[in-house]
Protein backbone atom coordinates (compact mmCIF):
# COMPACT_ATOMS: atom_id res chain seq x y z
CA MET A 1 61.23 24.61 -23.58
CA SER A 2 63.22 23.85 -26.75
CA GLU A 3 65.16 20.62 -26.84
CA THR A 4 68.21 22.35 -28.41
CA THR A 5 69.87 25.73 -28.31
CA THR A 6 72.34 27.41 -30.65
CA GLN A 7 74.14 29.51 -28.02
CA GLU A 8 77.84 28.73 -27.67
CA ALA A 9 79.03 27.49 -24.33
CA PRO A 10 81.81 29.59 -22.71
CA ASP A 11 85.30 28.18 -23.14
CA PHE A 12 86.20 27.04 -19.66
CA GLY A 13 88.66 24.36 -18.85
CA LYS A 14 87.44 21.29 -17.00
CA GLU A 15 89.19 22.30 -13.85
CA ASP A 16 87.82 25.87 -14.05
CA PHE A 17 84.29 24.55 -14.76
CA ALA A 18 84.42 22.08 -11.87
CA SER A 19 85.53 24.81 -9.48
CA LEU A 20 82.72 27.02 -10.80
CA LEU A 21 80.22 24.22 -10.14
CA ASP A 22 81.55 23.77 -6.63
CA GLN A 23 81.12 27.45 -6.00
CA THR A 24 77.52 27.41 -7.36
CA TYR A 25 76.07 24.03 -6.28
CA GLY A 26 78.56 22.66 -3.78
CA SER A 27 80.41 19.39 -4.21
CA GLU A 28 79.88 17.00 -7.13
CA GLN A 29 77.97 14.61 -4.84
CA ASP A 30 75.35 17.30 -4.29
CA LEU A 31 74.57 17.32 -8.02
CA GLU A 32 73.23 13.75 -8.06
CA GLY A 33 69.44 13.71 -8.36
CA SER A 34 69.21 17.18 -9.89
CA VAL A 35 68.83 18.77 -13.31
CA VAL A 36 72.05 20.26 -14.75
CA LYS A 37 73.09 21.85 -18.00
CA GLY A 38 75.50 20.12 -20.36
CA THR A 39 77.05 20.51 -23.78
CA VAL A 40 76.68 18.02 -26.62
CA VAL A 41 80.18 17.08 -27.62
CA ALA A 42 79.39 14.33 -30.12
CA ILE A 43 76.67 12.14 -31.68
CA GLU A 44 77.55 8.43 -31.73
CA ASN A 45 75.29 5.51 -32.67
CA ASP A 46 71.92 7.08 -31.64
CA PHE A 47 73.47 8.49 -28.49
CA ALA A 48 74.34 12.05 -27.60
CA ILE A 49 77.64 12.42 -25.72
CA ILE A 50 77.12 15.20 -23.19
CA ASP A 51 79.66 16.99 -21.02
CA VAL A 52 78.20 18.33 -17.76
CA GLY A 53 81.59 19.48 -16.36
CA LEU A 54 82.41 16.32 -14.45
CA LYS A 55 85.40 14.01 -14.64
CA SER A 56 83.63 11.93 -17.23
CA GLU A 57 81.03 12.54 -19.88
CA GLY A 58 77.64 10.82 -20.13
CA ARG A 59 75.57 9.44 -22.97
CA VAL A 60 71.79 9.87 -23.50
CA PRO A 61 69.68 8.03 -26.14
CA LEU A 62 68.58 10.42 -28.89
CA GLN A 63 64.96 9.15 -28.58
CA GLU A 64 64.71 10.81 -25.17
CA PHE A 65 65.03 14.18 -26.91
CA GLY A 66 61.98 13.49 -29.09
CA ALA A 67 61.51 12.26 -32.61
CA ASN A 68 61.88 15.73 -34.13
CA ALA A 69 64.89 16.86 -32.14
CA GLU A 70 68.04 17.56 -34.23
CA LEU A 71 71.03 17.67 -31.93
CA LYS A 72 74.55 18.63 -32.99
CA PRO A 73 77.79 19.14 -31.16
CA GLY A 74 77.89 22.39 -29.22
CA ASP A 75 74.18 22.42 -28.26
CA VAL A 76 73.45 23.08 -24.59
CA VAL A 77 70.74 20.88 -23.04
CA GLU A 78 69.31 20.17 -19.59
CA VAL A 79 69.67 16.61 -18.31
CA TYR A 80 69.02 14.77 -15.08
CA LEU A 81 72.17 13.55 -13.30
CA GLU A 82 71.39 10.17 -11.79
CA ARG A 83 74.97 9.20 -10.85
CA ILE A 84 78.30 10.92 -11.26
CA GLU A 85 80.00 7.76 -12.49
CA ASN A 86 78.97 4.20 -13.26
CA GLY A 87 80.96 1.01 -13.81
CA ALA A 88 82.00 2.24 -17.27
CA ASN A 89 83.42 5.44 -15.78
CA GLU A 90 80.61 7.46 -17.39
CA ALA A 91 78.12 9.93 -15.91
CA VAL A 92 74.58 8.51 -15.87
CA LEU A 93 72.35 11.12 -17.49
CA SER A 94 68.65 11.21 -18.51
CA ARG A 95 66.85 13.75 -20.64
CA GLU A 96 63.48 12.08 -19.90
CA LYS A 97 63.87 12.48 -16.15
CA ALA A 98 64.95 16.04 -16.66
CA ARG A 99 61.76 16.73 -18.54
CA ARG A 100 59.80 15.00 -15.74
CA GLU A 101 61.39 17.20 -13.11
CA GLU A 102 60.56 20.26 -15.17
CA ALA A 103 56.97 19.05 -15.53
CA TRP A 104 56.61 18.39 -11.78
CA ALA A 105 57.65 21.96 -11.02
CA VAL A 106 55.09 23.34 -13.45
CA LEU A 107 52.34 20.94 -12.22
CA GLU A 108 52.93 21.82 -8.57
CA GLN A 109 52.31 25.45 -9.38
CA ALA A 110 49.14 24.55 -11.31
CA PHE A 111 47.95 22.34 -8.43
CA GLU A 112 48.44 25.12 -5.88
CA LYS A 113 46.54 27.58 -8.06
CA GLY A 114 43.80 25.08 -9.02
CA GLU A 115 44.63 25.44 -12.70
CA ARG A 116 44.16 22.81 -15.39
CA ALA A 117 47.01 20.82 -16.94
CA GLU A 118 47.30 19.65 -20.52
CA GLY A 119 47.93 15.96 -21.05
CA VAL A 120 47.47 12.91 -23.25
CA ILE A 121 45.96 9.53 -22.31
CA PHE A 122 48.48 6.97 -23.52
CA GLY A 123 47.96 3.71 -21.63
CA ARG A 124 45.63 1.49 -19.63
CA VAL A 125 46.36 0.20 -16.11
CA LYS A 126 44.38 -1.56 -13.42
CA GLY A 127 41.51 0.68 -12.29
CA GLY A 128 42.12 3.41 -14.85
CA PHE A 129 44.52 4.95 -17.35
CA THR A 130 47.94 6.68 -17.58
CA VAL A 131 48.26 10.29 -18.70
CA ASP A 132 51.40 12.09 -19.94
CA LEU A 133 51.48 15.59 -18.48
CA SER A 134 54.42 17.03 -20.43
CA GLY A 135 56.72 14.32 -19.17
CA ALA A 136 55.14 13.53 -15.80
CA VAL A 137 53.02 10.37 -15.72
CA ALA A 138 49.67 10.72 -13.90
CA PHE A 139 46.91 8.24 -13.01
CA LEU A 140 43.39 8.77 -14.34
CA PRO A 141 40.83 6.62 -12.40
CA GLY A 142 38.12 5.00 -14.52
CA SER A 143 35.41 6.87 -12.60
CA GLN A 144 37.04 10.21 -13.50
CA VAL A 145 37.08 9.73 -17.28
CA ASP A 146 33.56 11.08 -17.98
CA VAL A 147 30.35 12.12 -16.25
CA ARG A 148 28.81 8.82 -17.34
CA PRO A 149 30.39 5.39 -17.83
CA ILE A 150 32.21 4.94 -21.16
CA ARG A 151 32.63 1.49 -22.61
CA ASP A 152 35.20 2.40 -25.29
CA ILE A 153 37.86 4.98 -24.36
CA SER A 154 40.00 4.50 -27.46
CA PRO A 155 38.65 7.69 -29.19
CA LEU A 156 40.02 9.72 -26.26
CA MET A 157 43.55 8.26 -26.29
CA GLY A 158 46.40 10.19 -27.86
CA ILE A 159 44.43 13.44 -27.96
CA PRO A 160 45.76 16.46 -25.98
CA GLN A 161 43.08 17.60 -23.55
CA PRO A 162 42.80 19.40 -20.20
CA PHE A 163 42.80 17.60 -16.83
CA GLN A 164 42.19 18.68 -13.27
CA ILE A 165 44.89 17.65 -10.75
CA LEU A 166 43.19 16.03 -7.77
CA LYS A 167 46.23 14.86 -5.79
CA MET A 168 50.05 15.13 -5.91
CA ASP A 169 52.72 13.34 -3.89
CA ARG A 170 56.23 14.15 -5.22
CA ARG A 171 57.97 11.95 -2.71
CA ARG A 172 56.07 8.91 -3.97
CA GLY A 173 55.85 10.20 -7.53
CA ASN A 174 52.03 9.99 -7.57
CA ILE A 175 49.72 12.29 -9.52
CA VAL A 176 45.95 11.72 -9.75
CA VAL A 177 43.97 13.67 -12.36
CA SER A 178 40.35 13.95 -13.47
CA ARG A 179 38.80 14.60 -16.85
CA ARG A 180 35.29 14.37 -15.37
CA ALA A 181 35.81 17.46 -13.21
CA ILE A 182 36.55 19.50 -16.35
CA LEU A 183 33.41 18.19 -18.06
CA GLU A 184 31.21 18.83 -15.02
CA GLU A 185 32.48 22.37 -14.75
CA THR A 186 31.75 22.93 -18.41
CA ARG A 187 28.32 21.30 -18.10
CA ALA A 188 27.57 23.42 -15.04
CA GLU A 189 28.19 26.56 -17.06
CA GLN A 190 26.04 25.24 -19.89
CA ARG A 191 23.35 24.14 -17.42
CA ALA A 192 23.18 27.56 -15.79
CA GLU A 193 22.81 29.21 -19.17
CA LEU A 194 20.18 26.69 -20.32
CA VAL A 195 18.15 26.89 -17.10
CA ALA A 196 18.19 30.69 -17.25
CA ASN A 197 16.49 30.49 -20.67
CA LEU A 198 13.81 27.95 -19.66
CA THR A 199 10.23 29.04 -19.01
CA GLU A 200 7.25 27.13 -17.65
CA GLY A 201 5.06 25.77 -20.43
CA GLN A 202 7.96 25.59 -22.90
CA VAL A 203 7.95 22.47 -25.10
CA LEU A 204 11.31 20.77 -25.69
CA GLU A 205 12.78 17.57 -27.06
CA GLY A 206 15.02 15.42 -24.91
CA VAL A 207 16.54 11.99 -24.56
CA VAL A 208 15.61 9.59 -21.78
CA LYS A 209 18.82 9.28 -19.79
CA ASN A 210 17.77 7.10 -16.85
CA ILE A 211 14.64 5.35 -15.55
CA THR A 212 13.78 4.90 -11.86
CA ASP A 213 10.75 3.60 -9.96
CA TYR A 214 9.37 7.10 -9.55
CA GLY A 215 10.06 8.53 -13.01
CA ALA A 216 12.62 9.19 -15.74
CA PHE A 217 15.46 11.69 -16.17
CA VAL A 218 15.48 13.42 -19.54
CA ASP A 219 18.60 15.09 -20.98
CA LEU A 220 17.59 18.43 -22.45
CA GLY A 221 21.03 19.08 -23.91
CA GLY A 222 23.32 19.69 -20.97
CA VAL A 223 20.77 19.69 -18.17
CA ASP A 224 18.52 16.92 -16.86
CA GLY A 225 14.84 17.25 -15.99
CA LEU A 226 12.67 14.86 -13.97
CA LEU A 227 9.66 13.37 -15.70
CA HIS A 228 7.60 11.98 -12.81
CA VAL A 229 5.68 8.75 -13.41
CA THR A 230 2.36 10.54 -12.80
CA ASP A 231 3.18 13.07 -15.56
CA ILE A 232 4.12 10.54 -18.24
CA SER A 233 0.60 9.52 -19.25
CA TRP A 234 -3.01 10.13 -18.27
CA ARG A 235 -3.43 6.39 -17.81
CA ARG A 236 -2.14 4.54 -14.76
CA LEU A 237 1.49 3.33 -14.98
CA ASN A 238 2.89 0.90 -12.43
CA HIS A 239 6.42 1.69 -13.66
CA PRO A 240 7.86 4.28 -16.11
CA SER A 241 9.40 1.48 -18.20
CA GLU A 242 5.86 0.63 -19.37
CA ALA A 243 5.94 3.78 -21.53
CA LEU A 244 9.63 4.78 -21.87
CA GLN A 245 13.03 3.28 -22.53
CA VAL A 246 16.57 4.61 -22.13
CA GLY A 247 17.79 6.46 -25.24
CA GLN A 248 14.28 7.26 -26.45
CA THR A 249 13.69 10.78 -27.81
CA VAL A 250 10.60 12.35 -26.25
CA LYS A 251 8.75 15.65 -26.45
CA VAL A 252 8.15 17.19 -23.03
CA GLN A 253 6.72 20.34 -21.49
CA VAL A 254 8.43 22.31 -18.74
CA ILE A 255 6.11 22.23 -15.71
CA LYS A 256 8.30 23.95 -13.14
CA VAL A 257 11.83 25.42 -13.03
CA ASN A 258 13.86 26.21 -9.90
CA LYS A 259 16.63 28.43 -11.19
CA GLU A 260 18.51 28.33 -7.89
CA THR A 261 18.74 24.55 -7.52
CA HIS A 262 18.52 23.91 -11.30
CA ARG A 263 15.70 21.44 -10.72
CA ILE A 264 13.39 21.01 -13.69
CA SER A 265 10.03 19.22 -13.61
CA LEU A 266 8.77 17.88 -16.94
CA GLY A 267 5.53 16.43 -18.23
CA MET A 268 4.40 14.46 -21.27
CA LYS A 269 0.69 14.01 -20.60
CA GLN A 270 0.28 17.80 -20.51
CA LEU A 271 0.80 17.80 -24.29
CA GLU A 272 -2.32 15.63 -24.71
CA GLU A 273 -5.99 16.46 -24.14
CA ASP A 274 -7.21 15.74 -20.60
CA PRO A 275 -9.65 12.81 -20.89
CA TRP A 276 -11.42 13.97 -17.70
CA ALA A 277 -12.58 17.20 -19.35
CA ALA A 278 -15.82 15.67 -20.72
CA VAL A 279 -16.15 12.68 -18.40
CA GLU A 280 -19.50 13.75 -16.89
CA THR A 281 -21.08 13.94 -20.34
CA LYS A 282 -19.46 10.75 -21.55
CA TYR A 283 -20.26 8.61 -18.50
CA PRO A 284 -23.64 9.61 -17.00
CA VAL A 285 -24.84 7.86 -13.84
CA GLY A 286 -26.51 4.54 -14.62
CA THR A 287 -24.45 3.84 -17.75
CA ARG A 288 -23.24 0.27 -18.17
CA LEU A 289 -19.95 -0.33 -19.96
CA THR A 290 -16.99 -2.69 -20.12
CA GLY A 291 -13.58 -1.88 -18.63
CA ARG A 292 -10.28 -3.50 -17.72
CA VAL A 293 -9.16 -4.12 -14.13
CA THR A 294 -5.84 -2.27 -13.68
CA ASN A 295 -5.21 -2.50 -9.95
CA ILE A 296 -6.59 -4.37 -6.94
CA THR A 297 -6.43 -3.09 -3.36
CA ASP A 298 -7.89 -4.15 -0.03
CA TYR A 299 -10.77 -1.72 -0.43
CA GLY A 300 -11.69 -2.39 -4.06
CA ALA A 301 -10.54 -2.58 -7.68
CA PHE A 302 -9.68 0.13 -10.23
CA VAL A 303 -11.22 -0.32 -13.68
CA GLU A 304 -9.92 1.55 -16.75
CA LEU A 305 -12.78 2.88 -18.87
CA GLU A 306 -10.44 4.50 -21.41
CA PRO A 307 -6.75 5.49 -21.37
CA GLY A 308 -6.39 7.97 -18.52
CA VAL A 309 -9.85 7.44 -17.01
CA GLU A 310 -10.27 4.95 -14.18
CA GLY A 311 -13.09 4.30 -11.77
CA LEU A 312 -13.16 2.53 -8.42
CA VAL A 313 -15.37 -0.45 -7.71
CA HIS A 314 -15.57 -0.44 -3.92
CA VAL A 315 -15.54 -3.84 -2.27
CA SER A 316 -19.11 -3.22 -1.08
CA GLU A 317 -20.26 -2.86 -4.71
CA MET A 318 -18.69 -6.06 -6.00
CA SER A 319 -21.14 -8.77 -4.95
CA TRP A 320 -24.66 -8.95 -3.60
CA THR A 321 -23.91 -11.87 -1.32
CA LYS A 322 -20.12 -12.11 -0.76
CA LYS A 323 -19.39 -9.84 2.16
CA ASN A 324 -16.06 -9.19 3.90
CA ILE A 325 -14.10 -10.84 1.10
CA HIS A 326 -10.91 -9.57 -0.57
CA PRO A 327 -11.56 -8.05 -4.03
CA GLY A 328 -8.81 -10.28 -5.47
CA LYS A 329 -11.09 -13.27 -4.93
CA ILE A 330 -13.79 -11.73 -7.12
CA VAL A 331 -11.79 -10.12 -9.96
CA SER A 332 -8.23 -10.36 -11.30
CA THR A 333 -5.85 -7.84 -12.88
CA SER A 334 -6.36 -7.27 -16.64
CA GLN A 335 -9.79 -8.93 -16.48
CA GLU A 336 -12.51 -7.39 -18.65
CA VAL A 337 -15.59 -6.66 -16.51
CA GLU A 338 -18.98 -5.04 -16.98
CA VAL A 339 -19.64 -2.17 -14.59
CA GLN A 340 -22.27 0.46 -13.93
CA VAL A 341 -21.54 4.14 -13.25
CA LEU A 342 -22.79 5.02 -9.76
CA ASP A 343 -21.32 8.51 -9.30
CA VAL A 344 -19.07 10.96 -11.17
CA ASP A 345 -16.98 13.74 -9.56
CA ALA A 346 -14.97 15.37 -12.34
CA SER A 347 -13.44 18.02 -10.05
CA ARG A 348 -11.87 15.32 -7.84
CA ARG A 349 -11.28 13.05 -10.86
CA ARG A 350 -13.26 10.21 -9.32
CA ILE A 351 -15.79 7.78 -10.75
CA SER A 352 -17.61 5.30 -8.53
CA LEU A 353 -18.50 2.05 -10.28
CA GLY A 354 -20.59 -0.98 -9.36
CA LEU A 355 -20.02 -4.56 -10.39
CA LYS A 356 -22.99 -6.20 -8.65
CA GLN A 357 -25.43 -3.75 -10.27
CA CYS A 358 -24.86 -5.51 -13.59
CA THR A 359 -26.38 -8.72 -12.19
CA ASP A 360 -29.86 -9.44 -10.79
CA ASN A 361 -30.46 -8.35 -7.21
CA PRO A 362 -31.06 -11.68 -5.41
CA TRP A 363 -33.09 -9.91 -2.72
CA GLU A 364 -35.51 -8.52 -5.29
CA SER A 365 -35.64 -11.88 -7.08
CA PHE A 366 -36.39 -13.63 -3.79
CA SER A 367 -39.10 -11.10 -2.93
CA GLU A 368 -40.83 -11.72 -6.26
CA LYS A 369 -40.57 -15.50 -6.01
CA TYR A 370 -41.38 -15.85 -2.30
CA PRO A 371 -43.86 -13.19 -1.14
CA ARG A 372 -44.73 -12.69 2.52
CA GLY A 373 -46.39 -15.76 4.04
CA THR A 374 -44.67 -18.25 1.68
CA GLU A 375 -43.37 -21.43 3.28
CA ILE A 376 -39.73 -22.18 2.43
CA GLU A 377 -37.10 -24.76 3.36
CA GLY A 378 -33.37 -24.24 3.95
CA GLU A 379 -30.27 -25.33 5.81
CA VAL A 380 -29.11 -23.73 9.06
CA LYS A 381 -25.91 -21.91 8.05
CA ASN A 382 -25.10 -20.20 11.32
CA ILE A 383 -26.40 -19.87 14.87
CA THR A 384 -25.93 -16.65 16.82
CA GLU A 385 -27.09 -15.42 20.19
CA PHE A 386 -30.09 -13.73 18.60
CA GLY A 387 -31.27 -16.29 16.04
CA LEU A 388 -30.75 -18.74 13.20
CA PHE A 389 -29.45 -17.94 9.69
CA ILE A 390 -31.03 -20.09 6.99
CA GLY A 391 -29.45 -20.52 3.55
CA LEU A 392 -31.87 -19.70 0.71
CA ASP A 393 -31.87 -19.45 -3.11
CA ASN A 394 -29.20 -17.40 -5.01
CA GLY A 395 -26.81 -17.40 -2.06
CA VAL A 396 -28.92 -15.19 0.22
CA ASP A 397 -29.61 -15.90 3.88
CA GLY A 398 -32.72 -15.37 5.93
CA MET A 399 -32.84 -14.94 9.69
CA VAL A 400 -35.20 -16.54 12.19
CA HIS A 401 -35.13 -14.37 15.29
CA MET A 402 -35.09 -16.30 18.55
CA SER A 403 -38.52 -14.91 19.39
CA ASP A 404 -39.95 -16.49 16.22
CA ILE A 405 -38.75 -20.05 16.88
CA SER A 406 -41.38 -21.32 19.32
CA TRP A 407 -44.77 -20.24 20.68
CA ASP A 408 -44.22 -21.93 24.00
CA LEU A 409 -40.49 -22.00 24.80
CA PRO A 410 -38.35 -18.95 25.58
CA GLY A 411 -36.05 -17.98 22.71
CA GLU A 412 -32.86 -18.90 24.61
CA GLU A 413 -34.24 -22.36 25.25
CA ALA A 414 -35.83 -22.89 21.84
CA ILE A 415 -32.59 -22.05 19.95
CA ARG A 416 -30.78 -24.90 21.68
CA ASN A 417 -32.92 -27.39 19.76
CA TYR A 418 -31.11 -26.54 16.48
CA LYS A 419 -27.59 -27.08 15.12
CA LYS A 420 -25.70 -26.09 11.96
CA GLY A 421 -26.62 -28.24 8.99
CA ASP A 422 -30.23 -28.88 10.08
CA VAL A 423 -32.78 -28.53 7.29
CA VAL A 424 -35.77 -26.58 8.58
CA LYS A 425 -39.00 -25.14 7.28
CA ALA A 426 -40.00 -21.55 7.90
CA VAL A 427 -42.42 -18.86 6.80
CA VAL A 428 -41.36 -15.62 5.03
CA LEU A 429 -42.30 -12.77 7.39
CA ASP A 430 -40.68 -9.81 5.57
CA VAL A 431 -38.18 -8.95 2.80
CA ASP A 432 -36.29 -5.61 2.93
CA THR A 433 -34.47 -5.30 -0.42
CA GLU A 434 -32.73 -2.03 0.53
CA LYS A 435 -31.25 -3.36 3.76
CA GLU A 436 -30.86 -6.83 2.19
CA ARG A 437 -32.71 -8.59 4.99
CA ILE A 438 -35.11 -11.52 4.95
CA SER A 439 -37.06 -12.23 8.15
CA LEU A 440 -38.32 -15.78 8.68
CA GLY A 441 -40.38 -17.49 11.33
CA ILE A 442 -40.63 -21.13 12.39
CA LYS A 443 -43.37 -20.88 14.99
CA GLN A 444 -45.61 -19.23 12.38
CA LEU A 445 -45.93 -22.66 10.73
CA GLU A 446 -48.45 -23.44 13.54
CA ASN A 447 -51.41 -21.49 14.88
CA ASP A 448 -50.75 -19.34 17.89
CA PRO A 449 -52.28 -21.16 20.87
CA PHE A 450 -52.52 -17.88 22.72
CA ALA A 451 -54.77 -16.43 20.03
CA ALA A 452 -57.79 -17.93 21.82
CA ALA A 453 -56.98 -15.71 24.79
CA ALA A 454 -58.60 -12.87 22.89
CA GLU A 455 -62.02 -14.41 23.79
CA LEU A 456 -61.20 -14.33 27.50
CA LYS A 457 -61.35 -11.40 29.88
CA LYS A 458 -60.24 -10.65 33.39
CA GLY A 459 -62.68 -12.00 36.03
CA ASP A 460 -63.94 -14.97 33.97
CA ALA A 461 -64.41 -18.22 35.95
CA VAL A 462 -62.95 -21.15 34.01
CA THR A 463 -62.18 -24.82 34.46
CA CYS A 464 -58.55 -25.73 33.67
CA THR A 465 -56.38 -28.87 33.70
CA VAL A 466 -53.15 -29.21 35.71
CA ALA A 467 -50.22 -29.50 33.26
CA ASN A 468 -47.32 -29.32 35.70
CA VAL A 469 -46.86 -29.15 39.49
CA LEU A 470 -44.18 -26.77 40.72
CA ASP A 471 -43.12 -25.61 44.17
CA SER A 472 -44.27 -22.13 43.26
CA GLY A 473 -47.66 -23.19 41.94
CA LEU A 474 -49.47 -24.99 39.14
CA GLU A 475 -49.02 -24.68 35.36
CA VAL A 476 -52.45 -25.25 33.85
CA THR A 477 -54.10 -25.37 30.43
CA LEU A 478 -57.45 -23.82 29.74
CA SER A 479 -60.08 -25.63 27.70
CA ASN A 480 -59.07 -23.72 24.54
CA GLY A 481 -55.39 -24.67 24.95
CA VAL A 482 -54.27 -21.34 26.36
CA PRO A 483 -51.56 -21.78 29.06
CA GLY A 484 -52.09 -20.35 32.53
CA PHE A 485 -50.51 -20.32 35.97
CA ILE A 486 -51.90 -20.49 39.52
CA ARG A 487 -49.53 -19.26 42.16
CA LYS A 488 -49.14 -21.22 45.40
CA GLY A 489 -50.84 -18.49 47.44
CA ASP A 490 -53.86 -18.53 45.09
CA LEU A 491 -54.61 -22.27 45.42
CA SER A 492 -57.06 -21.73 48.32
CA ARG A 493 -58.38 -19.12 50.72
CA ASP A 494 -57.40 -21.55 53.43
CA ARG A 495 -53.65 -21.25 54.08
CA SER A 496 -53.39 -24.92 55.06
CA GLU A 497 -54.74 -25.88 51.66
CA GLN A 498 -52.20 -23.78 49.70
CA ARG A 499 -50.09 -26.83 48.90
CA PRO A 500 -49.31 -27.60 45.20
CA GLU A 501 -48.46 -31.24 46.02
CA ARG A 502 -52.10 -32.02 46.80
CA PHE A 503 -52.78 -31.70 43.06
CA ALA A 504 -51.75 -34.10 40.30
CA VAL A 505 -51.23 -33.66 36.56
CA GLY A 506 -54.60 -34.01 34.86
CA ASP A 507 -56.68 -32.75 37.76
CA LYS A 508 -59.50 -30.36 36.94
CA VAL A 509 -59.41 -27.06 38.81
CA ASP A 510 -61.94 -24.21 38.86
CA ALA A 511 -60.35 -20.77 39.06
CA ARG A 512 -60.87 -17.16 38.20
CA ILE A 513 -58.77 -15.17 35.62
CA THR A 514 -56.88 -12.43 37.48
CA ASN A 515 -54.55 -11.14 34.71
CA ILE A 516 -53.93 -11.64 30.97
CA ASP A 517 -50.21 -11.06 30.14
CA ASN A 518 -50.08 -10.77 26.33
CA ARG A 519 -46.38 -9.90 26.33
CA ASN A 520 -45.31 -13.02 28.23
CA ARG A 521 -48.16 -15.02 26.71
CA ARG A 522 -49.53 -16.26 30.00
CA ILE A 523 -52.82 -16.03 31.96
CA MET A 524 -52.76 -15.76 35.74
CA LEU A 525 -55.58 -17.58 37.59
CA SER A 526 -56.67 -17.87 41.23
CA VAL A 527 -58.79 -20.49 43.07
CA LYS A 528 -58.76 -18.22 46.07
CA ALA A 529 -60.28 -15.36 44.08
CA LEU A 530 -63.02 -17.63 42.78
CA GLU A 531 -63.89 -18.80 46.30
CA LEU A 532 -64.06 -15.26 47.57
CA ALA A 533 -66.26 -14.22 44.66
CA GLU A 534 -68.65 -17.09 45.32
CA GLU A 535 -68.73 -16.13 49.01
CA ARG A 536 -69.65 -12.55 48.18
CA GLU A 537 -72.35 -13.78 45.82
CA ALA A 538 -73.84 -16.07 48.49
CA VAL A 539 -73.91 -13.27 51.01
CA ALA A 540 -75.65 -11.05 48.50
CA ASN A 541 -78.27 -13.68 47.63
CA TYR A 542 -79.08 -15.05 51.08
CA GLY A 543 -78.05 -12.48 53.60
CA SER A 544 -81.16 -10.23 53.27
CA SER A 545 -83.86 -12.93 53.96
CA ASP A 546 -81.95 -14.74 56.71
CA SER A 547 -80.52 -11.80 58.55
CA GLY A 548 -80.25 -13.83 61.72
CA ALA A 549 -78.48 -16.75 60.05
CA SER A 550 -74.79 -17.38 60.51
CA LEU A 551 -72.23 -17.19 57.71
CA GLY A 552 -72.04 -21.00 57.79
CA ASP A 553 -75.76 -21.31 57.37
CA ILE A 554 -75.68 -18.88 54.44
CA LEU A 555 -72.79 -20.68 52.72
CA GLY A 556 -74.40 -24.07 53.40
CA ALA A 557 -77.62 -22.99 51.80
CA ALA A 558 -75.68 -21.49 48.86
CA LEU A 559 -73.66 -24.63 48.34
CA LYS A 560 -76.78 -26.76 48.63
CA ALA A 561 -78.52 -24.61 46.06
CA LYS A 562 -75.51 -24.84 43.77
CA ALA A 563 -75.43 -28.62 44.20
CA SER A 564 -79.10 -28.99 43.46
CA GLY A 565 -78.72 -26.74 40.48
CA GLY A 566 -75.94 -28.96 39.26
CA GLU A 567 -78.06 -32.08 39.68
CA GLU A 568 -80.92 -30.49 37.73
CA GLU A 569 -78.49 -29.52 34.96
CA GLY A 570 -77.18 -33.12 34.93
CA GLU A 571 -80.68 -34.53 34.64
CA LYS A 572 -81.36 -32.18 31.72
CA ASN A 573 -78.18 -33.38 30.03
CA GLU A 574 -79.24 -37.01 30.55
CA GLU A 575 -82.67 -36.31 29.05
């Protein structure tokens, strides 16, 4: 609306004009706080004297009409009537408030229709900025200035631009506007157009806008695309910041576009040759090479062979001797290590590597140095329920099974004679390099006393020595050192004589072998069986010629003959 008008005001008297106002608006008191029309009657000292048809005229500073306004007497203008009369008997008028009221009316219509409003940022306040909307002052929060934080807003001040009204409260005189909403709407239109023109495989240039733990957002000129950390480079990246920085211009390829959600997936490594394409030819099984440890886990360590190609050294392939140990105690991140290729699966992008294969196999070295039958010496490292573990050269252990500790004692009893830290001698029984096992024996240091039992057979009559007297019988030793046992019931054919206590350690006893137990390494003997055998022999020898003789006579003659035979043998020995 123009600040001035050239139309002539009708020539009414003050009384006629006042009555006309009363008829139109009501009493003079009702005019306070409203916009009324008045006539410029004079210009005095930078003030315009304006007659609004009241008892007294009012004055308004010329600056409120604008720097370019040229007022002259007779012009009709709209002003805001604050009070009908002040202490100086003048009407209190304001052109600025009149303009504000006009602006509020226009802004309320725009707010209801959701239309934009033109304004100018002219000042800074706490939490934001002030905007002049054609006379009405609005608040622009700092978060609503732009789609991204702006450090310097001075280039935006004083420039007419559109704003979106977010909130209006005329009673409190509050207006909240947003410049960001306008920009987002514009960007949304641009984004839709840009996304519609994107195709998978298209190569574009963009600017890294933001970096997160899982990737980077790239501005493609109005729309953002996600560059996932796994699509930045063929080599392993712990964080996108290792390869990118905010503001960097990058060339990317469109991997996937969702035109409904406007989600765009981007890739950088797709613009480079895949290093896995020729990996089987480049790294055949058995090849030894040097790589860098990039990551350590509980189950192994990843070694980079070249940018984009990594292999896994499983914890089981790290050391020949260190078992059940965390990989971090064997290698460290960024360490250069020598590895051997164990397996290559290009389709699954996996390479199995070995660290221990680049060092001598201690089991093979031990087998060469200590063949079967070699006598060795070592310290007892551990004692289990099934044997002893002996520490040997190059960090390997050998095991003495409980059955190989003693010829005479049971394994459970023999193992109690040893403790950790004891230095013992043993014999190498077997070395299995594939299963990484070394079998040792302690009892093999001595000859097997039971080996002489091979010369004996069931039914032989032997003379043995009492080694121990038990309630259940006698433990005896044969002349060749082989252990034997005579049960209580086999001590005599006469039940009254079947008493172990009538024997003493060291006594000589004649008995007959009844059983040879190779598994339990023991020979069972019987005095009773020997007596019965001798009785049968006597009956056979003397029963036919002395058919009328009694059994006592036959046995007496047999015993007499045996005694005389013994005396003759003794005389021969003396001669």
